């Protein structure tokens, strides 16, 4: 069942076996395409494998289903930062704050410093 695949994916993630985790999250999503936890966790697993385009894709799908989750905007902000897209990183950080997600002040200061130092 989708629940079993999801639970196994979490265990693989906890052990750092992100390839197996991605496979199980993908099976979960094949059975239950709107499983937001599986999308979020698969995006994190992709990020851990440095497959950033796949992570961006999962976050985009997540936000199409639920655009009110500040934690996803925050995570995607960091991905934008890692790929040098400072404007997008700041936009997502601001959106996370607007949605009530508590952002790391040091991260925000760092982004602003980087943006305005260029």
N, C-alpha and C. Protein backbone atom coordinates (compact mmCIF):
# COMPACT_ATOMS: atom_id res chain seq x y z
N UNK A 1 0.84 -1.19 0.00
CA UNK A 1 0.00 0.00 0.00
C UNK A 1 0.88 1.25 0.00
N UNK A 2 0.28 2.37 -0.30
CA UNK A 2 1.05 3.62 -0.33
C UNK A 2 1.65 3.93 1.04
N UNK A 3 0.92 3.58 2.09
CA UNK A 3 1.42 3.82 3.45
C UNK A 3 2.67 2.99 3.73
N UNK A 4 2.68 1.76 3.27
CA UNK A 4 3.84 0.89 3.48
C UNK A 4 5.07 1.40 2.72
N UNK A 5 4.85 1.78 1.47
CA UNK A 5 5.97 2.32 0.69
C UNK A 5 6.51 3.60 1.33
N UNK A 6 5.58 4.45 1.78
CA UNK A 6 6.01 5.70 2.40
C UNK A 6 6.84 5.42 3.65
N UNK A 7 6.34 4.55 4.51
CA UNK A 7 7.05 4.24 5.75
C UNK A 7 8.44 3.66 5.46
N UNK A 8 8.52 2.80 4.48
CA UNK A 8 9.82 2.24 4.12
C UNK A 8 10.73 3.32 3.55
N UNK A 9 10.18 4.23 2.76
CA UNK A 9 10.96 5.35 2.23
C UNK A 9 11.55 6.20 3.34
N UNK A 10 10.77 6.45 4.37
CA UNK A 10 11.26 7.22 5.52
C UNK A 10 12.43 6.50 6.17
N UNK A 11 12.30 5.19 6.35
CA UNK A 11 13.39 4.43 6.96
C UNK A 11 14.65 4.47 6.10
N UNK A 12 14.50 4.35 4.80
CA UNK A 12 15.66 4.46 3.91
C UNK A 12 16.30 5.85 4.01
N UNK A 13 15.47 6.89 4.08
CA UNK A 13 15.99 8.25 4.21
C UNK A 13 16.79 8.40 5.50
N UNK A 14 16.24 7.89 6.59
CA UNK A 14 16.91 8.00 7.88
C UNK A 14 18.27 7.31 7.88
N UNK A 15 18.39 6.25 7.07
CA UNK A 15 19.65 5.52 6.96
C UNK A 15 20.58 6.11 5.91
N UNK A 16 20.11 7.17 5.22
CA UNK A 16 20.95 7.80 4.21
C UNK A 16 20.95 7.08 2.88
N UNK A 17 20.03 6.14 2.70
CA UNK A 17 19.93 5.42 1.43
C UNK A 17 18.88 6.11 0.57
N UNK A 18 19.30 7.22 -0.04
CA UNK A 18 18.36 8.09 -0.73
C UNK A 18 17.84 7.50 -2.04
N UNK A 19 18.62 6.67 -2.70
CA UNK A 19 18.12 6.04 -3.93
C UNK A 19 16.93 5.15 -3.64
N UNK A 20 17.04 4.33 -2.60
CA UNK A 20 15.92 3.46 -2.24
C UNK A 20 14.75 4.27 -1.71
N UNK A 21 15.04 5.34 -0.97
CA UNK A 21 13.97 6.20 -0.46
C UNK A 21 13.20 6.82 -1.62
N UNK A 22 13.92 7.32 -2.61
CA UNK A 22 13.27 7.93 -3.78
C UNK A 22 12.38 6.90 -4.49
N UNK A 23 12.87 5.70 -4.62
CA UNK A 23 12.08 4.64 -5.27
C UNK A 23 10.78 4.38 -4.50
N UNK A 24 10.87 4.32 -3.19
CA UNK A 24 9.66 4.07 -2.39
C UNK A 24 8.72 5.27 -2.39
N UNK A 25 9.25 6.47 -2.32
CA UNK A 25 8.38 7.65 -2.40
C UNK A 25 7.70 7.73 -3.77
N UNK A 26 8.41 7.32 -4.80
CA UNK A 26 7.84 7.32 -6.15
C UNK A 26 6.70 6.31 -6.22
N UNK A 27 6.89 5.14 -5.62
CA UNK A 27 5.81 4.13 -5.58
C UNK A 27 4.61 4.67 -4.80
N UNK A 28 4.90 5.36 -3.69
CA UNK A 28 3.83 5.97 -2.90
C UNK A 28 3.02 6.93 -3.76
N UNK A 29 3.73 7.77 -4.51
CA UNK A 29 3.06 8.79 -5.32
C UNK A 29 2.32 8.19 -6.51
N UNK A 30 2.78 7.04 -6.99
CA UNK A 30 2.05 6.37 -8.07
C UNK A 30 0.69 5.91 -7.57
N UNK A 31 0.62 5.52 -6.30
CA UNK A 31 -0.63 5.06 -5.70
C UNK A 31 -1.47 6.19 -5.15
N UNK A 32 -0.78 7.25 -4.69
CA UNK A 32 -1.48 8.39 -4.08
C UNK A 32 -0.75 9.67 -4.48
N UNK A 33 -1.07 10.20 -5.67
CA UNK A 33 -0.32 11.33 -6.24
C UNK A 33 -0.34 12.61 -5.40
N UNK A 34 -1.32 12.75 -4.52
CA UNK A 34 -1.40 13.98 -3.72
C UNK A 34 -0.81 13.81 -2.32
N UNK A 35 0.03 12.80 -2.12
CA UNK A 35 0.67 12.59 -0.82
C UNK A 35 1.77 13.63 -0.64
N UNK A 36 1.45 14.69 0.08
CA UNK A 36 2.38 15.80 0.24
C UNK A 36 3.63 15.41 1.03
N UNK A 37 3.49 14.54 2.00
CA UNK A 37 4.67 14.11 2.76
C UNK A 37 5.65 13.37 1.86
N UNK A 38 5.13 12.53 0.98
CA UNK A 38 6.01 11.80 0.06
C UNK A 38 6.69 12.76 -0.91
N UNK A 39 5.96 13.76 -1.40
CA UNK A 39 6.57 14.75 -2.29
C UNK A 39 7.68 15.52 -1.58
N UNK A 40 7.39 15.97 -0.37
CA UNK A 40 8.36 16.74 0.41
C UNK A 40 9.60 15.91 0.70
N UNK A 41 9.38 14.68 1.15
CA UNK A 41 10.52 13.82 1.50
C UNK A 41 11.32 13.40 0.27
N UNK A 42 10.62 13.18 -0.84
CA UNK A 42 11.35 12.82 -2.06
C UNK A 42 12.19 14.00 -2.53
N UNK A 43 11.64 15.21 -2.42
CA UNK A 43 12.42 16.40 -2.78
C UNK A 43 13.67 16.50 -1.92
N UNK A 44 13.54 16.23 -0.64
CA UNK A 44 14.71 16.24 0.25
C UNK A 44 15.72 15.17 -0.13
N UNK A 45 15.22 13.99 -0.48
CA UNK A 45 16.12 12.91 -0.89
C UNK A 45 16.85 13.29 -2.18
N UNK A 46 16.12 13.87 -3.12
CA UNK A 46 16.77 14.34 -4.35
C UNK A 46 17.84 15.38 -4.02
N UNK A 47 17.52 16.29 -3.13
CA UNK A 47 18.50 17.31 -2.75
C UNK A 47 19.74 16.66 -2.15
N UNK A 48 19.55 15.66 -1.31
CA UNK A 48 20.68 14.97 -0.71
C UNK A 48 21.53 14.25 -1.75
N UNK A 49 20.95 13.90 -2.88
CA UNK A 49 21.70 13.27 -3.98
C UNK A 49 22.19 14.32 -4.98
N UNK A 50 21.97 15.58 -4.65
CA UNK A 50 22.34 16.71 -5.49
C UNK A 50 21.63 16.69 -6.84
N UNK A 51 20.43 16.14 -6.86
CA UNK A 51 19.57 16.15 -8.04
C UNK A 51 18.57 17.29 -7.87
N UNK A 52 19.10 18.51 -8.04
CA UNK A 52 18.34 19.69 -7.67
C UNK A 52 17.15 19.94 -8.59
N UNK A 53 17.26 19.65 -9.86
CA UNK A 53 16.11 19.86 -10.76
C UNK A 53 14.93 18.98 -10.34
N UNK A 54 15.21 17.76 -9.95
CA UNK A 54 14.14 16.87 -9.49
C UNK A 54 13.53 17.40 -8.20
N UNK A 55 14.37 17.92 -7.31
CA UNK A 55 13.86 18.49 -6.06
C UNK A 55 12.97 19.70 -6.35
N UNK A 56 13.43 20.58 -7.25
CA UNK A 56 12.61 21.73 -7.63
C UNK A 56 11.26 21.28 -8.18
N UNK A 57 11.28 20.24 -9.00
CA UNK A 57 10.05 19.74 -9.59
C UNK A 57 9.08 19.26 -8.51
N UNK A 58 9.57 18.50 -7.54
CA UNK A 58 8.68 18.01 -6.48
C UNK A 58 8.12 19.16 -5.65
N UNK A 59 8.94 20.16 -5.36
CA UNK A 59 8.43 21.31 -4.61
C UNK A 59 7.37 22.05 -5.41
N UNK A 60 7.55 22.17 -6.72
CA UNK A 60 6.56 22.85 -7.56
C UNK A 60 5.23 22.09 -7.56
N UNK A 61 5.31 20.77 -7.66
CA UNK A 61 4.08 19.96 -7.61
C UNK A 61 3.41 20.13 -6.26
N UNK A 62 4.19 20.08 -5.19
CA UNK A 62 3.66 20.25 -3.84
C UNK A 62 2.91 21.58 -3.75
N UNK A 63 3.55 22.65 -4.23
CA UNK A 63 2.94 23.98 -4.10
C UNK A 63 1.71 24.15 -4.99
N UNK A 64 1.59 23.36 -6.05
CA UNK A 64 0.36 23.39 -6.83
C UNK A 64 -0.79 22.78 -6.04
N UNK A 65 -0.48 21.80 -5.22
CA UNK A 65 -1.50 21.15 -4.39
C UNK A 65 -1.81 21.99 -3.16
N UNK A 66 -0.76 22.53 -2.54
CA UNK A 66 -0.92 23.32 -1.32
C UNK A 66 0.05 24.50 -1.35
N UNK A 67 -0.45 25.64 -1.74
CA UNK A 67 0.40 26.83 -1.87
C UNK A 67 0.53 27.60 -0.56
N UNK A 68 0.03 27.05 0.52
CA UNK A 68 0.03 27.76 1.81
C UNK A 68 1.02 27.19 2.82
N UNK A 69 1.94 26.34 2.37
CA UNK A 69 2.90 25.71 3.28
C UNK A 69 4.23 26.47 3.23
N UNK A 70 4.44 27.29 4.24
CA UNK A 70 5.65 28.11 4.30
C UNK A 70 6.93 27.31 4.36
N UNK A 71 6.88 26.10 4.94
CA UNK A 71 8.10 25.30 5.05
C UNK A 71 8.63 24.90 3.68
N UNK A 72 7.73 24.70 2.72
CA UNK A 72 8.16 24.31 1.37
C UNK A 72 8.81 25.50 0.67
N UNK A 73 8.23 26.68 0.83
CA UNK A 73 8.85 27.87 0.25
C UNK A 73 10.24 28.09 0.86
N UNK A 74 10.35 27.83 2.16
CA UNK A 74 11.64 27.99 2.83
C UNK A 74 12.68 27.02 2.27
N UNK A 75 12.30 25.74 2.15
CA UNK A 75 13.23 24.75 1.60
C UNK A 75 13.61 25.09 0.16
N UNK A 76 12.62 25.52 -0.63
CA UNK A 76 12.91 25.86 -2.01
C UNK A 76 13.79 27.11 -2.09
N UNK A 77 13.63 28.00 -1.14
CA UNK A 77 14.49 29.19 -1.08
C UNK A 77 15.95 28.77 -0.98
N UNK A 78 16.21 27.79 -0.14
CA UNK A 78 17.59 27.32 0.03
C UNK A 78 18.11 26.69 -1.27
N UNK A 79 17.26 25.95 -1.98
CA UNK A 79 17.68 25.39 -3.26
C UNK A 79 18.00 26.49 -4.26
N UNK A 80 17.16 27.50 -4.30
CA UNK A 80 17.45 28.64 -5.19
C UNK A 80 18.79 29.27 -4.81
N UNK A 81 19.03 29.41 -3.53
CA UNK A 81 20.31 29.98 -3.08
C UNK A 81 21.48 29.10 -3.55
N UNK A 82 21.34 27.78 -3.38
CA UNK A 82 22.41 26.87 -3.79
C UNK A 82 22.71 26.94 -5.28
N UNK A 83 21.72 27.32 -6.07
CA UNK A 83 21.90 27.38 -7.52
C UNK A 83 22.18 28.82 -7.98
N UNK A 84 22.42 29.72 -7.03
CA UNK A 84 22.80 31.09 -7.38
C UNK A 84 21.66 32.00 -7.79
N UNK A 85 20.44 31.59 -7.54
CA UNK A 85 19.27 32.39 -7.91
C UNK A 85 18.79 33.17 -6.68
N UNK A 86 19.49 34.27 -6.39
CA UNK A 86 19.23 35.00 -5.16
C UNK A 86 17.88 35.69 -5.13
N UNK A 87 17.44 36.24 -6.26
CA UNK A 87 16.13 36.88 -6.28
C UNK A 87 15.02 35.89 -5.95
N UNK A 88 15.09 34.72 -6.57
CA UNK A 88 14.09 33.69 -6.31
C UNK A 88 14.17 33.20 -4.87
N UNK A 89 15.39 33.08 -4.36
CA UNK A 89 15.57 32.65 -2.97
C UNK A 89 14.92 33.65 -2.02
N UNK A 90 15.14 34.92 -2.26
CA UNK A 90 14.54 35.95 -1.41
C UNK A 90 13.02 35.99 -1.56
N UNK A 91 12.52 35.81 -2.77
CA UNK A 91 11.07 35.78 -2.98
C UNK A 91 10.43 34.65 -2.18
N UNK A 92 11.01 33.45 -2.26
CA UNK A 92 10.46 32.32 -1.51
C UNK A 92 10.60 32.51 -0.01
N UNK A 93 11.70 33.11 0.41
CA UNK A 93 11.88 33.36 1.84
C UNK A 93 10.81 34.32 2.34
N UNK A 94 10.54 35.36 1.57
CA UNK A 94 9.50 36.32 1.94
C UNK A 94 8.13 35.65 1.98
N UNK A 95 7.86 34.79 1.01
CA UNK A 95 6.58 34.08 0.98
C UNK A 95 6.45 33.17 2.21
N UNK A 96 7.52 32.51 2.58
CA UNK A 96 7.49 31.66 3.78
C UNK A 96 7.13 32.49 5.01
N UNK A 97 7.75 33.66 5.13
CA UNK A 97 7.45 34.54 6.26
C UNK A 97 6.00 35.00 6.23
N UNK A 98 5.51 35.37 5.05
CA UNK A 98 4.12 35.82 4.93
C UNK A 98 3.14 34.74 5.37
N UNK A 99 3.52 33.50 5.16
CA UNK A 99 2.66 32.37 5.54
C UNK A 99 2.84 31.96 7.00
N UNK A 100 3.66 32.71 7.73
CA UNK A 100 3.84 32.45 9.15
C UNK A 100 4.94 31.47 9.50
N UNK A 101 5.74 31.07 8.52
CA UNK A 101 6.84 30.16 8.81
C UNK A 101 7.98 30.97 9.42
N UNK A 102 8.51 30.48 10.51
CA UNK A 102 9.60 31.17 11.19
C UNK A 102 10.91 30.87 10.47
N UNK A 103 11.48 31.90 9.86
CA UNK A 103 12.71 31.71 9.09
C UNK A 103 13.92 32.00 9.96
N UNK A 104 15.02 31.41 9.58
CA UNK A 104 16.29 31.62 10.27
C UNK A 104 16.80 33.02 9.92
N UNK A 105 16.93 33.85 10.94
CA UNK A 105 17.36 35.23 10.73
C UNK A 105 18.75 35.33 10.12
N UNK A 106 19.64 34.43 10.49
CA UNK A 106 21.00 34.46 9.93
C UNK A 106 20.98 34.13 8.44
N UNK A 107 20.14 33.18 8.06
CA UNK A 107 20.01 32.84 6.65
C UNK A 107 19.48 34.04 5.87
N UNK A 108 18.47 34.70 6.41
CA UNK A 108 17.89 35.85 5.75
C UNK A 108 18.93 36.97 5.61
N UNK A 109 19.65 37.24 6.67
CA UNK A 109 20.70 38.27 6.62
C UNK A 109 21.75 37.92 5.57
N UNK A 110 22.14 36.67 5.54
CA UNK A 110 23.14 36.20 4.57
C UNK A 110 22.64 36.42 3.14
N UNK A 111 21.41 36.05 2.87
CA UNK A 111 20.85 36.25 1.53
C UNK A 111 20.85 37.72 1.15
N UNK A 112 20.40 38.56 2.06
CA UNK A 112 20.35 39.99 1.77
C UNK A 112 21.74 40.56 1.53
N UNK A 113 22.69 40.14 2.35
CA UNK A 113 24.08 40.59 2.19
C UNK A 113 24.61 40.18 0.82
N UNK A 114 24.37 38.92 0.45
CA UNK A 114 24.84 38.43 -0.86
C UNK A 114 24.20 39.19 -2.00
N UNK A 115 22.90 39.41 -1.90
CA UNK A 115 22.20 40.07 -2.98
C UNK A 115 22.71 41.50 -3.18
N UNK A 116 22.90 42.21 -2.09
CA UNK A 116 23.24 43.62 -2.22
C UNK A 116 24.75 43.87 -2.30
N UNK A 117 25.53 42.80 -2.22
CA UNK A 117 26.98 42.97 -2.38
C UNK A 117 27.39 42.79 -3.83
N UNK A 118 26.44 42.37 -4.66
CA UNK A 118 26.76 42.12 -6.07
C UNK A 118 26.39 43.30 -6.93
